[in-house]
N, C-alpha and C. Protein backbone atom coordinates (compact mmCIF):
# COMPACT_ATOMS: atom_id res chain seq x y z
N MET A 1 21.54 4.62 -21.00
CA MET A 1 20.55 3.90 -20.23
C MET A 1 21.24 2.98 -19.23
N THR A 2 20.76 2.98 -18.03
CA THR A 2 21.32 2.15 -16.98
C THR A 2 20.94 0.70 -17.18
N GLU A 3 21.92 -0.18 -17.00
CA GLU A 3 21.64 -1.61 -17.09
C GLU A 3 21.81 -2.23 -15.71
N CYS A 4 20.82 -2.94 -15.27
CA CYS A 4 20.87 -3.64 -13.99
C CYS A 4 20.94 -5.13 -14.27
N ASN A 5 22.10 -5.71 -14.02
CA ASN A 5 22.31 -7.11 -14.37
C ASN A 5 22.35 -8.04 -13.17
N GLN A 6 22.27 -7.49 -12.00
CA GLN A 6 22.34 -8.33 -10.80
C GLN A 6 21.09 -9.18 -10.71
N SER A 7 21.26 -10.49 -10.56
CA SER A 7 20.10 -11.38 -10.55
C SER A 7 19.56 -11.65 -9.14
N GLU A 8 20.40 -11.45 -8.11
CA GLU A 8 19.95 -11.69 -6.75
C GLU A 8 20.62 -10.71 -5.79
N LEU A 9 19.94 -10.42 -4.70
CA LEU A 9 20.51 -9.63 -3.61
C LEU A 9 20.44 -10.48 -2.34
N GLU A 10 21.53 -10.54 -1.63
CA GLU A 10 21.57 -11.28 -0.37
C GLU A 10 21.46 -10.29 0.78
N PHE A 11 20.70 -10.63 1.78
CA PHE A 11 20.55 -9.83 2.99
C PHE A 11 21.02 -10.65 4.18
N PRO A 12 21.36 -10.01 5.28
CA PRO A 12 21.75 -10.77 6.48
C PRO A 12 20.62 -11.71 6.91
N ALA A 13 21.00 -12.87 7.38
CA ALA A 13 20.01 -13.86 7.82
C ALA A 13 19.25 -13.35 9.04
N LEU A 14 18.01 -13.77 9.15
CA LEU A 14 17.18 -13.43 10.29
C LEU A 14 16.91 -14.72 11.04
N LYS A 15 17.54 -14.86 12.19
CA LYS A 15 17.54 -16.12 12.94
C LYS A 15 18.11 -17.19 12.02
N ARG A 16 17.34 -18.21 11.66
CA ARG A 16 17.86 -19.25 10.77
C ARG A 16 17.34 -19.11 9.35
N ARG A 17 16.66 -18.02 9.07
CA ARG A 17 16.06 -17.85 7.74
C ARG A 17 16.96 -17.04 6.81
N LYS A 18 17.12 -17.56 5.61
CA LYS A 18 17.88 -16.87 4.58
C LYS A 18 16.97 -15.85 3.91
N ILE A 19 17.45 -14.64 3.73
CA ILE A 19 16.66 -13.59 3.10
C ILE A 19 17.37 -13.17 1.83
N GLN A 20 16.65 -13.24 0.71
CA GLN A 20 17.23 -12.83 -0.56
C GLN A 20 16.15 -12.28 -1.47
N ALA A 21 16.57 -11.44 -2.38
CA ALA A 21 15.67 -10.91 -3.40
C ALA A 21 16.16 -11.42 -4.73
N ALA A 22 15.28 -12.09 -5.46
CA ALA A 22 15.62 -12.61 -6.78
C ALA A 22 14.79 -11.88 -7.83
N PHE A 23 15.39 -11.64 -8.96
CA PHE A 23 14.72 -10.87 -10.01
C PHE A 23 14.35 -11.76 -11.20
N SER A 24 14.03 -13.00 -10.91
CA SER A 24 13.68 -13.95 -11.96
C SER A 24 12.19 -14.30 -11.94
N GLY A 25 11.38 -13.39 -11.43
CA GLY A 25 9.96 -13.66 -11.24
C GLY A 25 9.10 -13.49 -12.47
N GLY A 26 9.70 -13.10 -13.59
CA GLY A 26 8.90 -12.89 -14.80
C GLY A 26 8.11 -11.60 -14.68
N ASP A 27 6.89 -11.61 -15.14
CA ASP A 27 6.04 -10.42 -15.06
C ASP A 27 5.55 -10.25 -13.63
N VAL A 28 5.91 -9.15 -13.02
CA VAL A 28 5.50 -8.86 -11.65
C VAL A 28 4.98 -7.43 -11.60
N THR A 29 4.38 -7.08 -10.50
CA THR A 29 3.87 -5.73 -10.32
C THR A 29 4.56 -5.06 -9.15
N SER A 30 4.69 -3.77 -9.22
CA SER A 30 5.28 -3.05 -8.10
C SER A 30 4.22 -2.69 -7.07
N ASP A 31 2.97 -3.01 -7.33
CA ASP A 31 1.88 -2.67 -6.42
C ASP A 31 1.64 -3.73 -5.35
N GLY A 32 2.46 -4.76 -5.32
CA GLY A 32 2.27 -5.83 -4.34
C GLY A 32 2.43 -5.37 -2.91
N GLY A 33 3.16 -4.29 -2.69
CA GLY A 33 3.38 -3.77 -1.35
C GLY A 33 2.12 -3.27 -0.69
N VAL A 34 1.09 -3.00 -1.49
CA VAL A 34 -0.16 -2.51 -0.92
C VAL A 34 -0.82 -3.58 -0.04
N LEU A 35 -0.55 -4.84 -0.31
CA LEU A 35 -1.11 -5.90 0.53
C LEU A 35 -0.54 -5.85 1.93
N LEU A 36 0.76 -5.60 2.02
CA LEU A 36 1.39 -5.45 3.33
C LEU A 36 0.89 -4.18 4.01
N LEU A 37 0.79 -3.11 3.25
CA LEU A 37 0.28 -1.85 3.79
C LEU A 37 -1.14 -2.01 4.34
N ARG A 38 -1.98 -2.70 3.59
CA ARG A 38 -3.36 -2.92 4.04
C ARG A 38 -3.40 -3.74 5.32
N GLN A 39 -2.57 -4.78 5.39
CA GLN A 39 -2.55 -5.64 6.58
C GLN A 39 -2.10 -4.86 7.81
N VAL A 40 -1.06 -4.04 7.65
CA VAL A 40 -0.57 -3.23 8.76
C VAL A 40 -1.65 -2.23 9.18
N ASP A 41 -2.29 -1.60 8.19
CA ASP A 41 -3.36 -0.64 8.50
C ASP A 41 -4.50 -1.30 9.27
N HIS A 42 -4.89 -2.50 8.85
CA HIS A 42 -5.98 -3.20 9.54
C HIS A 42 -5.58 -3.60 10.96
N GLN A 43 -4.33 -4.01 11.14
CA GLN A 43 -3.90 -4.41 12.49
C GLN A 43 -3.79 -3.21 13.43
N LEU A 44 -3.26 -2.11 12.92
CA LEU A 44 -3.11 -0.92 13.75
C LEU A 44 -4.37 -0.08 13.84
N LYS A 45 -5.30 -0.32 12.90
CA LYS A 45 -6.53 0.46 12.80
C LYS A 45 -6.23 1.96 12.68
N LEU A 46 -5.13 2.26 12.00
CA LEU A 46 -4.67 3.64 11.88
C LEU A 46 -5.67 4.51 11.13
N LEU A 47 -6.08 4.08 9.94
CA LEU A 47 -7.01 4.90 9.16
C LEU A 47 -8.41 4.90 9.78
N GLU A 48 -8.77 3.85 10.49
CA GLU A 48 -10.05 3.87 11.22
C GLU A 48 -10.02 4.95 12.30
N ARG A 49 -8.91 5.06 12.97
CA ARG A 49 -8.77 6.07 14.03
C ARG A 49 -8.80 7.49 13.45
N ILE A 50 -8.13 7.66 12.32
CA ILE A 50 -8.14 8.96 11.66
C ILE A 50 -9.54 9.30 11.19
N ASP A 51 -10.23 8.33 10.62
CA ASP A 51 -11.60 8.53 10.14
C ASP A 51 -12.52 8.95 11.29
N ALA A 52 -12.28 8.40 12.47
CA ALA A 52 -13.13 8.70 13.62
C ALA A 52 -13.03 10.15 14.08
N VAL A 53 -11.91 10.81 13.80
CA VAL A 53 -11.75 12.19 14.26
C VAL A 53 -11.98 13.23 13.16
N ILE A 54 -12.20 12.77 11.92
CA ILE A 54 -12.49 13.69 10.82
C ILE A 54 -14.01 13.71 10.61
N PRO A 55 -14.64 14.85 10.80
CA PRO A 55 -16.09 14.90 10.58
C PRO A 55 -16.43 14.70 9.11
N ASP A 56 -17.52 13.99 8.86
CA ASP A 56 -18.00 13.77 7.49
C ASP A 56 -19.24 14.64 7.29
N PRO A 57 -19.10 15.76 6.59
CA PRO A 57 -20.22 16.69 6.45
C PRO A 57 -21.24 16.29 5.38
N ARG A 58 -21.02 15.16 4.72
CA ARG A 58 -21.90 14.77 3.62
C ARG A 58 -23.25 14.29 4.12
N ASP A 59 -24.26 14.48 3.31
CA ASP A 59 -25.60 14.00 3.62
C ASP A 59 -25.64 12.49 3.39
N PRO A 60 -25.89 11.69 4.42
CA PRO A 60 -25.85 10.22 4.29
C PRO A 60 -26.79 9.67 3.22
N ARG A 61 -27.84 10.40 2.89
CA ARG A 61 -28.77 9.92 1.85
C ARG A 61 -28.11 9.84 0.48
N TYR A 62 -27.05 10.61 0.30
CA TYR A 62 -26.41 10.68 -1.01
C TYR A 62 -25.01 10.06 -1.02
N VAL A 63 -24.66 9.40 0.05
CA VAL A 63 -23.32 8.82 0.17
C VAL A 63 -23.31 7.41 -0.39
N GLU A 64 -22.41 7.17 -1.34
CA GLU A 64 -22.26 5.83 -1.90
C GLU A 64 -21.04 5.12 -1.30
N HIS A 65 -19.99 5.87 -1.02
CA HIS A 65 -18.76 5.30 -0.46
C HIS A 65 -18.48 5.94 0.90
N SER A 66 -18.14 5.11 1.86
CA SER A 66 -17.87 5.64 3.20
C SER A 66 -16.62 6.52 3.17
N GLN A 67 -16.56 7.39 4.14
CA GLN A 67 -15.39 8.25 4.25
C GLN A 67 -14.14 7.41 4.47
N LEU A 68 -14.27 6.33 5.25
CA LEU A 68 -13.14 5.45 5.51
C LEU A 68 -12.62 4.81 4.23
N SER A 69 -13.51 4.34 3.37
CA SER A 69 -13.06 3.71 2.13
C SER A 69 -12.37 4.73 1.22
N LEU A 70 -12.87 5.97 1.19
CA LEU A 70 -12.23 7.01 0.39
C LEU A 70 -10.88 7.40 0.97
N LEU A 71 -10.78 7.42 2.29
CA LEU A 71 -9.52 7.72 2.95
C LEU A 71 -8.49 6.65 2.64
N ARG A 72 -8.90 5.40 2.74
CA ARG A 72 -7.98 4.29 2.42
C ARG A 72 -7.53 4.36 0.97
N GLN A 73 -8.45 4.60 0.08
CA GLN A 73 -8.12 4.68 -1.33
C GLN A 73 -7.06 5.76 -1.58
N ARG A 74 -7.24 6.91 -0.97
CA ARG A 74 -6.33 8.03 -1.17
C ARG A 74 -4.96 7.76 -0.55
N VAL A 75 -4.94 7.29 0.68
CA VAL A 75 -3.67 7.04 1.37
C VAL A 75 -2.91 5.91 0.70
N TYR A 76 -3.58 4.81 0.38
CA TYR A 76 -2.89 3.70 -0.28
C TYR A 76 -2.37 4.14 -1.64
N GLY A 77 -3.15 4.91 -2.37
CA GLY A 77 -2.71 5.42 -3.67
C GLY A 77 -1.46 6.28 -3.54
N LEU A 78 -1.44 7.15 -2.56
CA LEU A 78 -0.26 8.00 -2.34
C LEU A 78 0.96 7.15 -1.98
N CYS A 79 0.76 6.13 -1.16
CA CYS A 79 1.87 5.25 -0.77
C CYS A 79 2.42 4.46 -1.95
N LEU A 80 1.56 4.18 -2.93
CA LEU A 80 2.00 3.46 -4.12
C LEU A 80 2.59 4.38 -5.18
N GLY A 81 2.55 5.68 -4.90
CA GLY A 81 3.12 6.62 -5.85
C GLY A 81 2.13 7.19 -6.84
N TYR A 82 0.85 6.92 -6.65
CA TYR A 82 -0.18 7.46 -7.53
C TYR A 82 -0.67 8.77 -6.94
N GLU A 83 -0.05 9.87 -7.39
CA GLU A 83 -0.35 11.17 -6.80
C GLU A 83 -1.63 11.78 -7.34
N ASP A 84 -1.95 11.45 -8.58
CA ASP A 84 -3.13 12.05 -9.22
C ASP A 84 -4.37 11.25 -8.89
N LEU A 85 -5.45 11.94 -8.67
CA LEU A 85 -6.71 11.24 -8.37
C LEU A 85 -7.24 10.46 -9.55
N ASN A 86 -6.79 10.76 -10.76
CA ASN A 86 -7.27 10.01 -11.92
C ASN A 86 -6.72 8.58 -11.93
N ASP A 87 -5.73 8.31 -11.09
CA ASP A 87 -5.20 6.94 -11.00
C ASP A 87 -6.09 6.04 -10.13
N HIS A 88 -7.00 6.63 -9.40
CA HIS A 88 -7.88 5.85 -8.54
C HIS A 88 -9.02 5.34 -9.37
């Protein structure tokens, strides 16, 4: 079994800011990156643009979730490594 004992990683400074990764955070989640992904998606409106060019053949009377919300759920899930739809 691999043992990772390094407690910190140093990165080159960005302007006057010190950048480091510390592994002393206690219980953390690896899904935190989805917040950054969501923010970038909202700023670029990438999935909104994709949604606009994909026709939605569903009958609106029976639609509970928008195509955009389903698209976001699927893309964000894939980016987080959740390949199976049962993880959604």
